């Protein structure tokens, strides 16, 4: 493989990355953290990471444009892979969020680096952090990459795609469908959307994390309740109902009106179960916008049913596939301009709060590099706008809820209240 032409979703990822250029990390990456039992030696880890050499051409590549038709593509490199590995010690009780934020906020060494590793000794145990570049990986792909590395499996290169400079009428029709859907969300410009950020805040702020761990029994009881209310395969809408309700309180506390809308751009992994292992690299997701007025979001009886209805409508509308096709048309636009346009996609905003749920882990093993895994967490950086995101991953039937936010965007009191609301939703019902 010498060229991988970027998809429409890859181009959105490029725009999000561009929006982070003035932040400390200078990119829109993410961290996958392993809490492991026992210590890993430095030489042992380096030997383990040699398995990534098989993907060196991709891992040392960069984005380029074709000289004639201008379609952007990933230009593979013939260079050697030299993964940046840091070693340090920290107290056994040091919060994962602090260690991950320090690592996540550091920039990669160059535009040719897309993976870095930090190993921290925490007493007799280890915290192993992998920082991925969103230009080459998404969250699901990061897990699948680590699973292949752990299994000493061969990395399958992505198919060498074409520039996709044909079937223009089909792409324009997808663009019309996307624009129609977005106009409906905004009611033709008549709706006001709540955001945490002021017009120019957070552009250069560092990213921080807060985590909430939900044990397996509590998570299973929560989703069982959701199935009773909404039917099977509705875990994401049921979680969305919880997030809307939790965000209604800080929105009201900041002076938002009952008829102001909360809007959540939701990242949806498009990998099917059958071919997940073969779709490690690049961005295999789409974006699903959910919205609700604050008055409705505050009422559990309304918000749950509304999320189910919007979920079904999104599937019927084919919005997820159309967004990818429509953005193939946008690749001709200079990236700085496209990044600015995409940050204002929802009535001049990027939404109220990003959301993503990984319902199925691509990492099935109970050990990593021969060490028992206590937990696996996803800690994504969030672009300055919306500046806050709630990300949930499932591992070993338990849930990790991550609030990712830019410094100064949300107060400590608001964070504590938000976490308390989320925590309460998973507590056993007494009586």
Protein backbone atom coordinates (compact mmCIF):
# COMPACT_ATOMS: atom_id res chain seq x y z
CA UNK A 1 0.00 0.00 0.00
CA UNK A 2 1.43 3.39 -0.99
CA UNK A 3 -1.68 5.58 -0.83
CA UNK A 4 -4.86 5.50 1.21
CA UNK A 5 -7.25 8.19 0.01
CA UNK A 6 -9.08 9.77 2.90
CA UNK A 7 -12.78 9.17 3.33
CA UNK A 8 -15.28 11.90 4.15
CA UNK A 9 -15.08 10.95 7.83
CA UNK A 10 -11.27 11.01 7.71
CA UNK A 11 -11.59 14.57 6.44
CA UNK A 12 -13.76 15.47 9.44
CA UNK A 13 -11.05 13.96 11.66
CA UNK A 14 -8.51 16.19 9.92
CA UNK A 15 -10.71 19.22 10.66
CA UNK A 16 -11.01 18.29 14.35
CA UNK A 17 -7.25 17.87 14.48
CA UNK A 18 -6.77 21.31 12.95
CA UNK A 19 -9.07 22.84 15.57
CA UNK A 20 -6.65 21.65 18.27
CA UNK A 21 -3.53 23.20 16.73
CA UNK A 22 -3.24 25.95 19.39
CA UNK A 23 -3.74 23.61 22.34
CA UNK A 24 -0.77 22.12 24.24
CA UNK A 25 -1.08 18.76 22.43
CA UNK A 26 -1.41 20.48 19.03
CA UNK A 27 -3.57 17.57 17.86
CA UNK A 28 -6.77 15.68 18.57
CA UNK A 29 -5.42 12.40 19.90
CA UNK A 30 -6.64 9.96 22.52
CA UNK A 31 -5.14 7.76 25.23
CA UNK A 32 -5.97 4.13 25.97
CA UNK A 33 -4.93 3.24 29.51
CA UNK A 34 -4.27 -0.22 30.95
CA UNK A 35 -4.23 -0.69 34.72
CA UNK A 36 -2.16 -3.85 35.13
CA UNK A 37 -1.26 -6.14 37.99
CA UNK A 38 2.48 -6.48 38.41
CA UNK A 39 5.42 -4.53 37.02
CA UNK A 40 6.68 -4.51 33.44
CA UNK A 41 10.39 -4.00 32.82
CA UNK A 42 11.48 -1.43 30.26
CA UNK A 43 13.37 -3.90 28.09
CA UNK A 44 10.41 -6.26 28.18
CA UNK A 45 8.05 -3.54 26.97
CA UNK A 46 10.36 -2.48 24.15
CA UNK A 47 10.63 -6.06 22.95
CA UNK A 48 6.84 -6.38 23.09
CA UNK A 49 6.39 -3.20 21.03
CA UNK A 50 8.61 -4.56 18.24
CA UNK A 51 5.47 -6.25 16.96
CA UNK A 52 4.31 -2.84 15.71
CA UNK A 53 7.16 -2.80 13.18
CA UNK A 54 4.88 -4.70 10.82
CA UNK A 55 2.75 -1.54 10.54
CA UNK A 56 5.74 0.83 10.28
CA UNK A 57 4.82 2.16 6.82
CA UNK A 58 1.49 3.44 8.14
CA UNK A 59 2.73 4.51 11.55
CA UNK A 60 5.41 6.77 10.04
CA UNK A 61 3.25 8.23 7.26
CA UNK A 62 1.62 11.65 6.88
CA UNK A 63 -1.23 13.41 5.09
CA UNK A 64 -0.61 14.70 1.57
CA UNK A 65 -2.62 15.97 -1.42
CA UNK A 66 -2.54 14.67 -4.97
CA UNK A 67 -0.87 17.24 -7.21
CA UNK A 68 -3.54 17.19 -9.92
CA UNK A 69 -6.98 16.29 -8.56
CA UNK A 70 -6.13 17.47 -4.96
CA UNK A 71 -7.75 14.51 -3.18
CA UNK A 72 -6.05 14.10 0.24
CA UNK A 73 -4.40 10.79 1.01
CA UNK A 74 -2.19 9.07 3.57
CA UNK A 75 1.35 8.86 2.24
CA UNK A 76 3.12 5.84 3.66
CA UNK A 77 6.76 6.09 4.64
CA UNK A 78 9.69 3.79 4.16
CA UNK A 79 11.26 4.99 7.39
CA UNK A 80 11.99 2.92 10.47
CA UNK A 81 9.52 2.91 13.34
CA UNK A 82 10.88 4.39 16.57
CA UNK A 83 8.09 4.45 19.14
CA UNK A 84 8.61 7.07 21.83
CA UNK A 85 8.50 5.17 25.16
CA UNK A 86 8.69 7.02 28.48
CA UNK A 87 9.30 5.38 31.87
CA UNK A 88 8.54 6.91 35.26
CA UNK A 89 7.24 6.12 38.72
CA UNK A 90 4.22 7.49 40.53
CA UNK A 91 2.46 6.86 43.84
CA UNK A 92 0.18 3.79 43.83
CA UNK A 93 -2.84 6.00 44.51
CA UNK A 94 -2.11 8.58 41.80
CA UNK A 95 -5.24 9.25 39.80
CA UNK A 96 -5.26 7.84 36.27
CA UNK A 97 -6.76 11.12 35.04
CA UNK A 98 -3.75 13.17 36.14
CA UNK A 99 -1.23 10.78 34.60
CA UNK A 100 -3.20 10.51 31.36
CA UNK A 101 -3.77 14.27 31.05
CA UNK A 102 -0.07 15.02 31.42
CA UNK A 103 0.71 12.54 28.66
CA UNK A 104 -2.21 13.44 26.39
CA UNK A 105 -1.38 17.16 26.47
CA UNK A 106 2.15 16.56 25.18
CA UNK A 107 2.53 16.94 21.40
CA UNK A 108 3.91 14.21 19.20
CA UNK A 109 7.55 14.75 18.21
CA UNK A 110 6.75 15.34 14.53
CA UNK A 111 4.07 15.00 11.88
CA UNK A 112 5.43 11.50 11.22
CA UNK A 113 4.68 10.23 14.74
CA UNK A 114 1.25 8.78 15.49
CA UNK A 115 1.81 6.50 18.49
CA UNK A 116 3.60 7.08 21.81
CA UNK A 117 3.78 5.03 25.00
CA UNK A 118 4.29 5.83 28.67
CA UNK A 119 4.84 3.20 31.38
CA UNK A 120 4.36 4.21 35.00
CA UNK A 121 5.26 2.01 37.95
CA UNK A 122 2.61 2.38 40.68
CA UNK A 123 4.07 0.54 43.59
CA UNK A 124 3.87 -3.15 42.66
CA UNK A 125 1.58 -2.52 39.67
CA UNK A 126 1.76 -0.76 36.31
CA UNK A 127 -0.15 1.92 34.45
CA UNK A 128 0.47 1.63 30.71
CA UNK A 129 -0.63 4.52 28.48
CA UNK A 130 -0.87 4.46 24.68
CA UNK A 131 -1.38 7.78 22.92
CA UNK A 132 -2.87 7.50 19.41
CA UNK A 133 -3.21 10.06 16.65
CA UNK A 134 -6.84 10.41 15.49
CA UNK A 135 -5.61 10.98 11.93
CA UNK A 136 -4.68 7.30 11.73
CA UNK A 137 -6.83 5.66 14.44
CA UNK A 138 -10.20 5.99 16.06
CA UNK A 139 -11.03 4.60 19.51
CA UNK A 140 -12.22 1.25 18.22
CA UNK A 141 -9.20 0.98 15.93
CA UNK A 142 -6.86 1.74 18.81
CA UNK A 143 -8.29 -1.19 20.77
CA UNK A 144 -8.04 -3.49 17.76
CA UNK A 145 -4.42 -2.41 17.16
CA UNK A 146 -3.49 -3.24 20.76
CA UNK A 147 -5.36 -6.55 20.55
CA UNK A 148 -3.37 -7.53 17.45
CA UNK A 149 -0.14 -6.45 19.15
CA UNK A 150 -1.03 -8.47 22.24
CA UNK A 151 -1.83 -11.57 20.16
CA UNK A 152 1.30 -11.20 18.01
CA UNK A 153 -1.07 -11.15 15.04
CA UNK A 154 -0.26 -9.85 11.59
CA UNK A 155 -1.52 -6.36 10.79
CA UNK A 156 -3.68 -6.28 7.69
CA UNK A 157 -3.13 -3.11 5.72
CA UNK A 158 -6.27 -1.18 4.79
CA UNK A 159 -7.45 -1.53 1.24
CA UNK A 160 -5.83 0.92 -1.15
CA UNK A 161 -8.82 3.12 -1.87
CA UNK A 162 -9.56 5.16 -4.95
CA UNK A 163 -9.87 8.96 -4.85
CA UNK A 164 -13.68 8.54 -5.15
CA UNK A 165 -13.97 11.32 -7.71
CA UNK A 166 -16.96 9.82 -9.49
CA UNK A 167 -20.73 9.36 -9.02
CA UNK A 168 -21.09 13.07 -8.30
CA UNK A 169 -24.90 13.06 -8.39
CA UNK A 170 -24.98 10.46 -5.62
CA UNK A 171 -22.62 12.57 -3.47
CA UNK A 172 -24.62 15.75 -4.10
CA UNK A 173 -27.82 13.96 -3.12
CA UNK A 174 -26.15 12.84 0.13
CA UNK A 175 -25.12 16.46 0.72
CA UNK A 176 -28.71 17.62 0.25
CA UNK A 177 -29.93 14.98 2.72
CA UNK A 178 -27.35 16.04 5.32
CA UNK A 179 -28.21 19.73 4.92
CA UNK A 180 -31.92 18.96 5.15
CA UNK A 181 -31.38 16.97 8.34
CA UNK A 182 -29.30 19.74 9.92
CA UNK A 183 -31.87 22.39 8.97
CA UNK A 184 -34.58 20.32 10.63
CA UNK A 185 -32.52 20.08 13.82
CA UNK A 186 -32.17 23.86 13.83
CA UNK A 187 -35.80 24.41 12.77
CA UNK A 188 -34.62 26.73 10.03
CA UNK A 189 -32.49 28.85 12.35
CA UNK A 190 -35.17 29.33 15.02
CA UNK A 191 -33.58 27.35 17.85
CA UNK A 192 -31.02 28.35 20.46
CA UNK A 193 -28.53 25.71 21.58
CA UNK A 194 -26.86 25.58 24.98
CA UNK A 195 -23.05 25.48 24.99
CA UNK A 196 -20.55 25.53 27.85
CA UNK A 197 -18.10 27.76 26.03
CA UNK A 198 -18.15 31.45 25.28
CA UNK A 199 -17.49 32.52 21.70
CA UNK A 200 -13.68 32.49 21.89
CA UNK A 201 -12.92 30.56 25.09
CA UNK A 202 -10.78 27.45 25.43
CA UNK A 203 -8.92 27.74 22.12
CA UNK A 204 -5.54 27.15 23.78
CA UNK A 205 -6.54 25.48 27.05
CA UNK A 206 -5.13 22.16 28.23
CA UNK A 207 -7.35 19.09 28.37
CA UNK A 208 -8.39 17.41 31.63
CA UNK A 209 -10.24 14.22 32.54
CA UNK A 210 -12.52 12.93 35.27
CA UNK A 211 -13.53 9.28 35.48
CA UNK A 212 -16.36 7.28 36.98
CA UNK A 213 -16.15 3.48 37.14
CA UNK A 214 -19.41 1.50 37.11
CA UNK A 215 -19.03 -2.12 38.29
CA UNK A 216 -20.36 -4.87 36.04
CA UNK A 217 -23.38 -5.74 38.20
CA UNK A 218 -24.59 -2.13 38.30
CA UNK A 219 -24.02 -1.67 34.57
CA UNK A 220 -25.94 -4.83 33.71
CA UNK A 221 -28.84 -3.81 35.96
CA UNK A 222 -28.93 -0.37 34.28
CA UNK A 223 -29.12 -1.82 30.78
CA UNK A 224 -31.70 -4.40 31.87
CA UNK A 225 -33.93 -1.50 32.94
CA UNK A 226 -33.32 0.15 29.57
CA UNK A 227 -34.36 -3.02 27.73
CA UNK A 228 -37.60 -3.14 29.73
CA UNK A 229 -38.39 0.46 28.76
CA UNK A 230 -37.14 0.59 25.16
CA UNK A 231 -36.72 -2.96 23.97
CA UNK A 232 -33.52 -4.78 22.90
CA UNK A 233 -30.49 -3.13 21.22
CA UNK A 234 -31.29 0.27 22.73
CA UNK A 235 -28.34 0.65 25.11
CA UNK A 236 -27.08 3.80 23.39
CA UNK A 237 -30.45 5.65 23.41
CA UNK A 238 -30.93 4.72 27.08
CA UNK A 239 -27.49 6.08 27.94
CA UNK A 240 -28.24 9.19 25.91
CA UNK A 241 -31.38 9.80 27.95
CA UNK A 242 -29.23 9.75 31.08
CA UNK A 243 -26.69 12.19 29.61
CA UNK A 244 -29.39 14.63 28.49
CA UNK A 245 -30.92 14.60 31.96
CA UNK A 246 -27.54 15.11 33.61
CA UNK A 247 -26.68 18.07 31.36
CA UNK A 248 -30.01 19.81 31.94
CA UNK A 249 -28.96 20.83 35.47
CA UNK A 250 -25.74 22.73 34.60
CA UNK A 251 -27.48 24.23 31.55
CA UNK A 252 -30.27 25.62 33.74
CA UNK A 253 -27.71 26.74 36.33
CA UNK A 254 -25.99 28.80 33.63
CA UNK A 255 -29.20 30.58 32.73
CA UNK A 256 -30.38 28.50 29.77
CA UNK A 257 -34.12 28.69 29.12
CA UNK A 258 -36.53 25.76 29.08
CA UNK A 259 -36.94 26.07 25.30
CA UNK A 260 -33.18 26.20 24.65
CA UNK A 261 -31.87 22.96 23.16
CA UNK A 262 -29.17 20.57 24.29
CA UNK A 263 -27.50 18.96 21.28
CA UNK A 264 -25.21 15.93 21.49
CA UNK A 265 -23.09 14.98 18.46
CA UNK A 266 -22.75 11.23 19.00
CA UNK A 267 -19.87 9.24 17.51
CA UNK A 268 -21.07 5.88 16.16
CA UNK A 269 -18.62 3.05 15.33
CA UNK A 270 -19.57 1.62 11.92
CA UNK A 271 -17.56 -1.60 12.15
CA UNK A 272 -19.68 -4.71 11.89
CA UNK A 273 -18.88 -7.71 14.04
CA UNK A 274 -17.80 -9.82 11.09
CA UNK A 275 -14.95 -7.61 9.83
CA UNK A 276 -13.92 -5.64 12.91
CA UNK A 277 -10.43 -7.15 13.12
CA UNK A 278 -9.65 -6.12 9.54
CA UNK A 279 -10.60 -2.47 10.03
CA UNK A 280 -7.93 -1.20 12.41
CA UNK A 281 -6.66 1.92 10.69
CA UNK A 282 -8.28 5.27 9.87
CA UNK A 283 -11.70 6.49 10.95
CA UNK A 284 -14.56 4.01 10.81
CA UNK A 285 -17.28 6.10 12.44
CA UNK A 286 -19.98 8.59 11.68
CA UNK A 287 -21.72 11.35 13.59
CA UNK A 288 -25.32 11.22 14.82
CA UNK A 289 -26.81 14.47 16.23
CA UNK A 290 -29.43 14.12 18.98
CA UNK A 291 -31.25 17.16 20.39
CA UNK A 292 -33.92 17.99 22.93
CA UNK A 293 -35.22 21.14 24.66
CA UNK A 294 -34.04 21.50 28.25
CA UNK A 295 -37.59 21.27 29.58
CA UNK A 296 -37.98 17.80 28.00
CA UNK A 297 -34.46 16.71 28.95
CA UNK A 298 -35.36 17.34 32.61
CA UNK A 299 -38.27 14.88 32.47
CA UNK A 300 -37.25 11.19 32.52
CA UNK A 301 -40.61 10.09 31.09
CA UNK A 302 -40.11 12.23 27.98
CA UNK A 303 -36.40 11.97 27.34
CA UNK A 304 -36.22 8.16 27.20
CA UNK A 305 -38.92 7.84 24.55
CA UNK A 306 -37.55 10.83 22.60
CA UNK A 307 -34.12 9.20 22.34
CA UNK A 308 -35.62 5.98 21.00
CA UNK A 309 -37.63 7.87 18.39
CA UNK A 310 -34.63 9.96 17.28
CA UNK A 311 -32.43 6.85 17.13
CA UNK A 312 -34.90 5.08 14.85
CA UNK A 313 -35.28 8.18 12.65
CA UNK A 314 -31.50 8.49 12.26
CA UNK A 315 -31.25 4.90 11.09
CA UNK A 316 -34.13 5.36 8.62
CA UNK A 317 -32.76 8.65 7.25
CA UNK A 318 -29.38 7.09 6.28
CA UNK A 319 -27.74 10.20 7.75
CA UNK A 320 -24.68 8.27 8.98
CA UNK A 321 -23.74 7.02 5.51
CA UNK A 322 -24.71 10.28 3.81
CA UNK A 323 -22.41 12.30 6.07
CA UNK A 324 -19.40 10.35 4.82
CA UNK A 325 -20.43 10.70 1.17
CA UNK A 326 -21.21 14.40 1.50
CA UNK A 327 -17.84 15.15 3.04
CA UNK A 328 -16.06 13.56 0.09
CA UNK A 329 -17.15 16.73 -1.72
CA UNK A 330 -15.58 18.90 0.99
CA UNK A 331 -12.06 17.49 0.65
CA UNK A 332 -11.27 20.06 -2.04
CA UNK A 333 -11.73 22.87 0.51
CA UNK A 334 -8.51 24.06 2.19
CA UNK A 335 -8.30 22.44 5.61
CA UNK A 336 -8.18 25.72 7.65
CA UNK A 337 -11.45 26.84 6.06
CA UNK A 338 -13.11 23.43 6.42
CA UNK A 339 -12.06 23.25 10.10
CA UNK A 340 -13.70 26.62 10.73
CA UNK A 341 -16.86 25.59 8.88
CA UNK A 342 -17.15 22.28 10.74
CA UNK A 343 -16.81 23.97 14.15
CA UNK A 344 -20.06 25.83 13.38
CA UNK A 345 -22.06 23.00 11.87
CA UNK A 346 -24.93 23.12 14.39
CA UNK A 347 -26.42 26.62 14.23
CA UNK A 348 -23.02 28.20 14.70
CA UNK A 349 -21.85 25.71 17.36
CA UNK A 350 -20.23 22.30 17.62
CA UNK A 351 -23.05 21.14 19.88
CA UNK A 352 -23.45 21.21 23.64
CA UNK A 353 -21.27 18.20 24.51
CA UNK A 354 -19.73 15.38 22.48
CA UNK A 355 -20.73 11.82 23.34
CA UNK A 356 -19.47 8.36 22.42
CA UNK A 357 -20.22 4.88 23.70
CA UNK A 358 -18.12 1.84 22.79
CA UNK A 359 -20.61 -0.93 23.61
CA UNK A 360 -18.26 -3.74 22.63
CA UNK A 361 -14.56 -3.80 23.34
CA UNK A 362 -12.26 -4.80 20.50
CA UNK A 363 -9.83 -6.00 23.17
CA UNK A 364 -11.08 -9.33 24.54
CA UNK A 365 -8.01 -10.62 26.39
CA UNK A 366 -7.78 -10.62 30.17
CA UNK A 367 -4.01 -9.98 30.07
CA UNK A 368 -1.75 -7.55 28.26
CA UNK A 369 1.95 -8.26 27.76
CA UNK A 370 1.48 -11.14 30.16
CA UNK A 371 0.00 -9.01 32.98
CA UNK A 372 -3.55 -9.28 34.28
CA UNK A 373 -5.70 -6.31 33.30
CA UNK A 374 -7.58 -4.58 36.09
CA UNK A 375 -9.18 -2.02 33.80
CA UNK A 376 -9.02 -0.54 30.29
CA UNK A 377 -10.04 3.09 29.81
CA UNK A 378 -10.45 5.46 26.84
CA UNK A 379 -9.40 9.07 27.46
CA UNK A 380 -9.96 11.18 24.31
CA UNK A 381 -8.89 14.78 23.90
CA UNK A 382 -11.78 17.08 23.03
CA UNK A 383 -11.56 19.94 20.50
CA UNK A 384 -11.89 23.44 22.02
CA UNK A 385 -15.47 23.51 20.73
CA UNK A 386 -17.61 22.07 22.20
CA UNK A 387 -14.79 21.79 24.76
CA UNK A 388 -16.46 19.00 26.75
CA UNK A 389 -17.30 15.40 25.97
CA UNK A 390 -18.62 12.34 27.79
CA UNK A 391 -17.13 9.05 26.63
CA UNK A 392 -18.09 5.59 27.84
CA UNK A 393 -16.34 2.32 27.15
CA UNK A 394 -17.27 -1.16 28.28
CA UNK A 395 -14.61 -3.60 29.42
CA UNK A 396 -15.24 -6.92 31.15
CA UNK A 397 -18.94 -5.90 31.43
CA UNK A 398 -18.09 -2.86 33.57
CA UNK A 399 -18.31 0.73 32.32
CA UNK A 400 -15.83 3.59 32.44
CA UNK A 401 -17.40 7.04 32.10
CA UNK A 402 -14.88 9.71 31.12
CA UNK A 403 -15.60 13.43 31.19
CA UNK A 404 -13.04 15.13 28.95
CA UNK A 405 -12.95 18.92 29.12
CA UNK A 406 -10.85 21.99 28.46
CA UNK A 407 -9.54 23.88 31.48
CA UNK A 408 -11.75 26.73 32.61
CA UNK A 409 -14.80 25.50 30.73
CA UNK A 410 -16.64 23.84 33.61
CA UNK A 411 -16.32 24.49 37.34
CA UNK A 412 -15.37 21.89 39.92
CA UNK A 413 -18.83 22.17 41.47
CA UNK A 414 -20.48 21.52 38.11
CA UNK A 415 -18.20 18.54 37.52
CA UNK A 416 -18.95 17.04 40.93
CA UNK A 417 -22.69 17.52 40.45
CA UNK A 418 -22.54 15.98 36.98
CA UNK A 419 -20.61 12.96 38.24
CA UNK A 420 -22.99 12.58 41.20
CA UNK A 421 -25.99 12.56 38.86
CA UNK A 422 -24.41 9.93 36.64
CA UNK A 423 -23.31 7.83 39.62
CA UNK A 424 -26.81 7.89 41.14
CA UNK A 425 -28.36 6.54 37.93
CA UNK A 426 -26.40 3.29 38.35
CA UNK A 427 -27.04 2.78 42.07
CA UNK A 428 -29.35 -0.09 43.07
CA UNK A 429 -32.92 0.99 43.74
CA UNK A 430 -33.68 0.56 47.43
CA UNK A 431 -36.88 -0.98 48.68
